[in-house]
C-alpha atoms as a PDB file:
ATOM      1  CA  MET A   1      88.334 106.530 112.499  1.00  0.00           C
ATOM      2  CA  GLY A   2      87.141 103.735 110.274  1.00  0.00           C
ATOM      3  CA  ALA A   3      89.514 101.339 108.563  1.00  0.00           C
ATOM      4  CA  VAL A   4      89.807  99.104 105.525  1.00  0.00           C
ATOM      5  CA  TYR A   5      91.883  95.949 105.899  1.00  0.00           C
ATOM      6  CA  LEU A   6      93.280  94.581 102.645  1.00  0.00           C
ATOM      7  CA  VAL A   7      94.195  90.883 102.865  1.00  0.00           C
ATOM      8  CA  ARG A   8      96.159  89.273 100.083  1.00  0.00           C
ATOM      9  CA  HIS A   9      94.929  85.817  99.052  1.00  0.00           C
ATOM     10  CA  GLY A  10      96.788  82.712 100.191  1.00  0.00           C
ATOM     11  CA  GLN A  11      99.317  80.998  97.956  1.00  0.00           C
ATOM     12  CA  ALA A  12      97.885  79.985  94.593  1.00  0.00           C
ATOM     13  CA  SER A  13      98.967  76.971  92.535  1.00  0.00           C
ATOM     14  CA  PHE A  14     101.945  78.334  90.601  1.00  0.00           C
ATOM     15  CA  GLY A  15     103.107  76.089  87.784  1.00  0.00           C
ATOM     16  CA  ALA A  16      99.868  74.118  87.644  1.00  0.00           C
ATOM     17  CA  GLU A  17      97.374  74.154  84.796  1.00  0.00           C
ATOM     18  CA  ASP A  18      94.863  75.815  87.136  1.00  0.00           C
ATOM     19  CA  TYR A  19      96.806  78.632  88.792  1.00  0.00           C
ATOM     20  CA  ASP A  20      93.661  80.205  90.254  1.00  0.00           C
ATOM     21  CA  ARG A  21      93.313  77.718  93.092  1.00  0.00           C
ATOM     22  CA  LEU A  22      94.635  77.859  96.636  1.00  0.00           C
ATOM     23  CA  SER A  23      97.434  75.452  97.363  1.00  0.00           C
ATOM     24  CA  GLU A  24      97.288  73.446 100.577  1.00  0.00           C
ATOM     25  CA  ARG A  25      99.702  75.949 102.096  1.00  0.00           C
ATOM     26  CA  GLY A  26      97.511  78.785 100.819  1.00  0.00           C
ATOM     27  CA  ALA A  27      94.540  77.425 102.745  1.00  0.00           C
ATOM     28  CA  GLU A  28      96.624  77.300 105.924  1.00  0.00           C
ATOM     29  CA  GLN A  29      97.746  80.869 105.328  1.00  0.00           C
ATOM     30  CA  ALA A  30      94.149  82.028 104.909  1.00  0.00           C
ATOM     31  CA  ALA A  31      93.194  80.438 108.223  1.00  0.00           C
ATOM     32  CA  LEU A  32      96.084  82.162 109.989  1.00  0.00           C
ATOM     33  CA  ALA A  33      95.102  85.519 108.511  1.00  0.00           C
ATOM     34  CA  GLY A  34      91.585  85.038 109.832  1.00  0.00           C
ATOM     35  CA  ALA A  35      92.918  84.056 113.243  1.00  0.00           C
ATOM     36  CA  GLU A  36      95.091  87.178 113.285  1.00  0.00           C
ATOM     37  CA  LEU A  37      92.108  89.404 112.530  1.00  0.00           C
ATOM     38  CA  ARG A  38      90.149  87.637 115.271  1.00  0.00           C
ATOM     39  CA  ARG A  39      93.022  88.248 117.700  1.00  0.00           C
ATOM     40  CA  ARG A  40      92.798  91.958 116.954  1.00  0.00           C
ATOM     41  CA  ALA A  41      89.103  91.896 117.929  1.00  0.00           C
ATOM     42  CA  VAL A  42      88.087  94.003 114.946  1.00  0.00           C
ATOM     43  CA  THR A  43      84.363  94.156 114.157  1.00  0.00           C
ATOM     44  CA  PHE A  44      83.720  94.348 110.422  1.00  0.00           C
ATOM     45  CA  SER A  45      80.543  95.834 109.001  1.00  0.00           C
ATOM     46  CA  GLN A  46      81.509  95.048 105.407  1.00  0.00           C
ATOM     47  CA  ALA A  47      83.484  92.320 103.655  1.00  0.00           C
ATOM     48  CA  ARG A  48      84.505  92.191 100.009  1.00  0.00           C
ATOM     49  CA  THR A  49      86.359  89.814  97.737  1.00  0.00           C
ATOM     50  CA  GLY A  50      87.299  89.757  94.092  1.00  0.00           C
ATOM     51  CA  SER A  51      85.730  87.079  91.917  1.00  0.00           C
ATOM     52  CA  LEU A  52      88.900  85.008  91.415  1.00  0.00           C
ATOM     53  CA  ALA A  53      88.771  81.540  92.981  1.00  0.00           C
ATOM     54  CA  ARG A  54      91.887  82.094  95.100  1.00  0.00           C
ATOM     55  CA  GLN A  55      90.422  85.303  96.531  1.00  0.00           C
ATOM     56  CA  VAL A  56      86.974  83.845  97.181  1.00  0.00           C
ATOM     57  CA  LYS A  57      88.377  80.773  98.949  1.00  0.00           C
ATOM     58  CA  THR A  58      90.721  82.877 101.069  1.00  0.00           C
ATOM     59  CA  ALA A  59      87.746  84.993 102.142  1.00  0.00           C
ATOM     60  CA  GLU A  60      85.695  81.906 102.964  1.00  0.00           C
ATOM     61  CA  ILE A  61      88.402  80.366 105.134  1.00  0.00           C
ATOM     62  CA  ALA A  62      89.463  83.574 106.881  1.00  0.00           C
ATOM     63  CA  LEU A  63      85.923  84.743 107.635  1.00  0.00           C
ATOM     64  CA  ALA A  64      85.087  81.325 109.070  1.00  0.00           C
ATOM     65  CA  GLU A  65      87.904  81.902 111.571  1.00  0.00           C
ATOM     66  CA  LEU A  66      86.386  85.268 112.502  1.00  0.00           C
ATOM     67  CA  GLY A  67      82.981  83.740 113.088  1.00  0.00           C
ATOM     68  CA  SER A  68      80.927  86.917 113.472  1.00  0.00           C
ATOM     69  CA  ALA A  69      82.005  88.676 110.259  1.00  0.00           C
ATOM     70  CA  PRO A  70      79.508  89.338 107.439  1.00  0.00           C
ATOM     71  CA  ALA A  71      79.667  87.235 104.290  1.00  0.00           C
ATOM     72  CA  ALA A  72      81.965  88.657 101.637  1.00  0.00           C
ATOM     73  CA  LYS A  73      80.325  90.256  98.611  1.00  0.00           C
ATOM     74  CA  GLU A  74      82.059  89.586  95.304  1.00  0.00           C
ATOM     75  CA  ASP A  75      83.232  92.568  93.295  1.00  0.00           C
ATOM     76  CA  ALA A  76      85.392  91.815  90.242  1.00  0.00           C
ATOM     77  CA  ARG A  77      86.998  95.240  90.503  1.00  0.00           C
ATOM     78  CA  TRP A  78      89.155  93.763  93.263  1.00  0.00           C
ATOM     79  CA  ASN A  79      90.569  91.158  90.847  1.00  0.00           C
ATOM     80  CA  GLU A  80      94.274  91.042  90.024  1.00  0.00           C
ATOM     81  CA  TYR A  81      95.657  92.269  86.707  1.00  0.00           C
ATOM     82  CA  ASP A  82      95.717  89.606  83.987  1.00  0.00           C
ATOM     83  CA  HIS A  83      99.301  88.373  84.299  1.00  0.00           C
ATOM     84  CA  VAL A  84      98.815  85.875  81.451  1.00  0.00           C
ATOM     85  CA  ALA A  85      97.819  88.628  79.002  1.00  0.00           C
ATOM     86  CA  ILE A  86     100.598  90.913  80.235  1.00  0.00           C
ATOM     87  CA  ALA A  87     103.183  88.153  79.767  1.00  0.00           C
ATOM     88  CA  GLU A  88     101.754  87.404  76.325  1.00  0.00           C
ATOM     89  CA  HIS A  89     101.916  90.972  75.068  1.00  0.00           C
ATOM     90  CA  HIS A  90     104.904  92.315  76.990  1.00  0.00           C
ATOM     91  CA  ALA A  91     107.116  89.257  77.512  1.00  0.00           C
ATOM     92  CA  GLY A  92     106.763  87.242  74.332  1.00  0.00           C
ATOM     93  CA  GLY A  93     104.166  84.867  75.746  1.00  0.00           C
ATOM     94  CA  ALA A  94     106.138  83.517  78.735  1.00  0.00           C
ATOM     95  CA  ASP A  95     104.260  80.563  80.245  1.00  0.00           C
ATOM     96  CA  GLN A  96     104.207  79.877  83.994  1.00  0.00           C
ATOM     97  CA  VAL A  97     103.190  76.215  83.645  1.00  0.00           C
ATOM     98  CA  GLY A  98     106.227  74.195  84.691  1.00  0.00           C
ATOM     99  CA  ALA A  99     108.381  77.331  84.917  1.00  0.00           C
ATOM    100  CA  ASP A 100     110.940  78.096  87.620  1.00  0.00           C
ATOM    101  CA  PRO A 101     109.212  80.568  89.988  1.00  0.00           C
ATOM    102  CA  ARG A 102     112.183  82.940  90.262  1.00  0.00           C
ATOM    103  CA  GLU A 103     112.851  82.987  86.542  1.00  0.00           C
ATOM    104  CA  TYR A 104     109.189  83.558  85.755  1.00  0.00           C
ATOM    105  CA  GLN A 105     108.979  86.347  88.346  1.00  0.00           C
ATOM    106  CA  ALA A 106     111.895  88.142  86.701  1.00  0.00           C
ATOM    107  CA  VAL A 107     110.146  87.903  83.326  1.00  0.00           C
ATOM    108  CA  LEU A 108     106.851  89.106  84.824  1.00  0.00           C
ATOM    109  CA  ASP A 109     108.549  92.053  86.562  1.00  0.00           C
ATOM    110  CA  ALA A 110     109.946  93.211  83.217  1.00  0.00           C
ATOM    111  CA  ALA A 111     106.573  92.683  81.547  1.00  0.00           C
ATOM    112  CA  LEU A 112     104.792  94.721  84.220  1.00  0.00           C
ATOM    113  CA  THR A 113     107.261  97.565  83.753  1.00  0.00           C
ATOM    114  CA  SER A 114     106.579  97.511  80.006  1.00  0.00           C
ATOM    115  CA  TRP A 115     102.814  97.362  80.629  1.00  0.00           C
ATOM    116  CA  VAL A 116     102.897 100.378  82.933  1.00  0.00           C
ATOM    117  CA  GLU A 117     105.126 102.371  80.585  1.00  0.00           C
ATOM    118  CA  ALA A 118     102.861 101.597  77.615  1.00  0.00           C
ATOM    119  CA  GLY A 119      99.886 103.206  79.345  1.00  0.00           C
ATOM    120  CA  ASP A 120      96.788 103.248  77.158  1.00  0.00           C
ATOM    121  CA  ASP A 121      98.884 102.062  74.199  1.00  0.00           C
ATOM    122  CA  SER A 122      99.289  98.563  75.641  1.00  0.00           C
ATOM    123  CA  PRO A 123      97.732  95.836  73.473  1.00  0.00           C
ATOM    124  CA  CYS A 124      96.328  94.159  76.617  1.00  0.00           C
ATOM    125  CA  ALA A 125      92.546  94.205  76.979  1.00  0.00           C
ATOM    126  CA  GLU A 126      93.030  96.024  80.284  1.00  0.00           C
ATOM    127  CA  THR A 127      95.700  98.708  80.302  1.00  0.00           C
ATOM    128  CA  TRP A 128      97.526  99.949  83.377  1.00  0.00           C
ATOM    129  CA  PRO A 129      95.441 103.174  83.582  1.00  0.00           C
ATOM    130  CA  ALA A 130      92.241 101.120  83.320  1.00  0.00           C
ATOM    131  CA  PHE A 131      93.413  98.717  86.039  1.00  0.00           C
ATOM    132  CA  LEU A 132      94.299 101.575  88.376  1.00  0.00           C
ATOM    133  CA  SER A 133      90.979 103.288  87.706  1.00  0.00           C
ATOM    134  CA  ARG A 134      88.859 100.218  88.523  1.00  0.00           C
ATOM    135  CA  VAL A 135      90.811  99.478  91.704  1.00  0.00           C
ATOM    136  CA  ARG A 136      90.472 103.070  92.879  1.00  0.00           C
ATOM    137  CA  GLY A 137      86.781 102.994  92.053  1.00  0.00           C
ATOM    138  CA  ALA A 138      86.224  99.836  94.117  1.00  0.00           C
ATOM    139  CA  LEU A 139      88.018 101.323  97.107  1.00  0.00           C
ATOM    140  CA  GLU A 140      86.266 104.701  96.906  1.00  0.00           C
ATOM    141  CA  GLU A 141      82.858 103.052  96.662  1.00  0.00           C
ATOM    142  CA  LEU A 142      83.564 100.788  99.640  1.00  0.00           C
ATOM    143  CA  VAL A 143      84.765 103.658 101.812  1.00  0.00           C
ATOM    144  CA  ALA A 144      81.638 105.649 100.916  1.00  0.00           C
ATOM    145  CA  THR A 145      79.445 102.864 102.344  1.00  0.00           C
ATOM    146  CA  LEU A 146      81.165 102.880 105.729  1.00  0.00           C
ATOM    147  CA  GLY A 147      79.610 104.721 108.622  1.00  0.00           C
ATOM    148  CA  LYS A 148      81.618 106.603 111.223  1.00  0.00           C
ATOM    149  CA  GLY A 149      84.106 104.260 112.886  1.00  0.00           C
ATOM    150  CA  GLU A 150      83.064 101.252 110.806  1.00  0.00           C
ATOM    151  CA  HIS A 151      85.593  98.772 109.401  1.00  0.00           C
ATOM    152  CA  ALA A 152      85.731  96.696 106.225  1.00  0.00           C
ATOM    153  CA  VAL A 153      87.899  93.789 105.101  1.00  0.00           C
ATOM    154  CA  VAL A 154      88.783  93.025 101.488  1.00  0.00           C
ATOM    155  CA  PHE A 155      90.328  89.814 100.165  1.00  0.00           C
ATOM    156  CA  THR A 156      92.255  90.708  97.041  1.00  0.00           C
ATOM    157  CA  SER A 157      95.659  90.333  95.353  1.00  0.00           C
ATOM    158  CA  GLY A 158      99.191  91.664  95.601  1.00  0.00           C
ATOM    159  CA  GLY A 159      99.059  93.898  92.547  1.00  0.00           C
ATOM    160  CA  VAL A 160      95.845  95.527  93.727  1.00  0.00           C
ATOM    161  CA  ILE A 161      97.247  96.175  97.192  1.00  0.00           C
ATOM    162  CA  ALA A 162     100.519  97.512  95.786  1.00  0.00           C
ATOM    163  CA  ALA A 163      98.718  99.864  93.395  1.00  0.00           C
ATOM    164  CA  VAL A 164      96.410 101.155  96.143  1.00  0.00           C
ATOM    165  CA  CYS A 165      99.276 101.780  98.538  1.00  0.00           C
ATOM    166  CA  GLY A 166     101.335 103.437  95.836  1.00  0.00           C
ATOM    167  CA  ALA A 167      98.411 105.696  94.912  1.00  0.00           C
ATOM    168  CA  LEU A 168      97.947 106.751  98.546  1.00  0.00           C
ATOM    169  CA  MET A 169     101.630 107.714  98.595  1.00  0.00           C
ATOM    170  CA  GLY A 170     101.313 109.603  95.326  1.00  0.00           C
ATOM    171  CA  ALA A 171     103.215 107.058  93.231  1.00  0.00           C
ATOM    172  CA  PRO A 172     100.925 104.277  91.964  1.00  0.00           C
ATOM    173  CA  GLU A 173     103.370 103.110  89.268  1.00  0.00           C
ATOM    174  CA  ALA A 174     106.224 102.764  91.762  1.00  0.00           C
ATOM    175  CA  GLY A 175     103.843 101.088  94.187  1.00  0.00           C
ATOM    176  CA  LEU A 176     102.900  98.402  91.698  1.00  0.00           C
ATOM    177  CA  LEU A 177     106.445  97.727  90.523  1.00  0.00           C
ATOM    178  CA  LYS A 178     108.172  97.862  93.919  1.00  0.00           C
ATOM    179  CA  LEU A 179     105.649  96.874  96.578  1.00  0.00           C
ATOM    180  CA  ASN A 180     104.100  94.049  94.579  1.00  0.00           C
ATOM    181  CA  ARG A 181     107.331  92.055  94.722  1.00  0.00           C
ATOM    182  CA  VAL A 182     107.400  91.969  98.522  1.00  0.00           C
ATOM    183  CA  THR A 183     103.710  91.456  99.279  1.00  0.00           C
ATOM    184  CA  VAL A 184     103.343  88.208 101.224  1.00  0.00           C
ATOM    185  CA  ASN A 185     100.526  85.723 100.779  1.00  0.00           C
ATOM    186  CA  ALA A 186      97.767  86.393 103.329  1.00  0.00           C
ATOM    187  CA  GLY A 187      99.541  89.543 104.541  1.00  0.00           C
ATOM    188  CA  ILE A 188      97.423  92.364 105.991  1.00  0.00           C
ATOM    189  CA  THR A 189      97.483  96.024 104.957  1.00  0.00           C
ATOM    190  CA  LYS A 190      95.523  98.645 106.902  1.00  0.00           C
ATOM    191  CA  LEU A 191      94.083 101.892 105.579  1.00  0.00           C
ATOM    192  CA  VAL A 192      92.379 104.392 107.889  1.00  0.00           C
ATOM    193  CA  SER A 193      89.590 106.705 106.828  1.00  0.00           C
ATOM    194  CA  GLY A 194      89.098 110.097 108.435  1.00  0.00           C
ATOM    195  CA  ARG A 195      88.211 113.684 107.628  1.00  0.00           C
ATOM    196  CA  GLY A 196      91.377 114.024 105.584  1.00  0.00           C
ATOM    197  CA  GLY A 197      90.519 111.003 103.464  1.00  0.00           C
ATOM    198  CA  LEU A 198      92.292 107.658 103.296  1.00  0.00           C
ATOM    199  CA  THR A 199      95.738 107.134 104.784  1.00  0.00           C
ATOM    200  CA  LEU A 200      98.042 104.119 104.571  1.00  0.00           C
ATOM    201  CA  LEU A 201      98.657 103.080 108.180  1.00  0.00           C
ATOM    202  CA  SER A 202     100.435  99.764 107.685  1.00  0.00           C
ATOM    203  CA  PHE A 203     101.575  97.649 104.754  1.00  0.00           C
ATOM    204  CA  ASN A 204     102.061  93.905 104.439  1.00  0.00           C
ATOM    205  CA  GLU A 205     101.800  92.960 108.113  1.00  0.00           C
ATOM    206  CA  HIS A 206     102.586  89.295 108.684  1.00  0.00           C
ATOM    207  CA  PRO A 207     103.350  88.556 112.354  1.00  0.00           C
ATOM    208  CA  HIS A 208     101.072  85.531 111.949  1.00  0.00           C
ATOM    209  CA  PHE A 209     103.905  83.998 109.874  1.00  0.00           C
ATOM    210  CA  GLU A 210     106.596  84.246 112.504  1.00  0.00           C
ATOM    211  CA  ALA A 211     107.988  81.755 115.028  1.00  0.00           C
ATOM    212  CA  GLU A 212     106.533  78.270 114.413  1.00  0.00           C
ATOM    213  CA  ALA A 213     104.454  79.544 111.476  1.00  0.00           C
ATOM    214  CA  ALA A 214     107.483  80.966 109.638  1.00  0.00           C
ATOM    215  CA  LYS A 215     107.538  77.920 107.354  1.00  0.00           C
ATOM    216  CA  LEU A 216     104.242  79.132 105.854  1.00  0.00           C
ATOM    217  CA  LEU A 217     105.631  82.499 104.705  1.00  0.00           C
ATOM    218  CA  THR A 218     105.546  82.804 100.906  1.00  0.00           C
ATOM    219  CA  TYR A 219     105.564  85.590  98.351  1.00  0.00           C
ATOM    220  CA  ARG A 220     104.318  83.626  95.324  1.00  0.00           C
END
């Protein structure tokens, strides 16, 4: 069977004016994710990344560790939901700049719940149904390009991975709201593709952040 590996980007710069930038720790995480994929000796025929800076840089660093992997093609459909717009419209404009990470996460969790429940009635430019549709479309198109037994790797974000996994389990809303909170930076999720379609084989693997590397484990 073929497989699609979904890699969450490394830690971004929470609290800074430019959130969409890997932190120093995020760059280290990206390198470890690439080393973990190299250890597994997986040969990738396709590589994708969203167009966000944190995703693109994670792909660059991780693929450099792999050495023989193809260059990642950018596809904005793999981008994360717009958390700024969601906070603005569903949380009274909560600002992450200078905010306490835990307090902001609690506000964002509530805002995401409101966003999902609002459906197409959300005032956000991209509603939850639209987000889910574009993510599904990106995944379906990628899988369609894979030959028998071929593998692909995608560098994306926690919300995307959570929504995909939830959808494969028949509960995309629950996936976004529950799985997103525990998705680690530079964690690896594996989907397998066979005659029966796509199946979630593993979620949020992060053995590369154990033992001496445990200090690099982050969720936000």
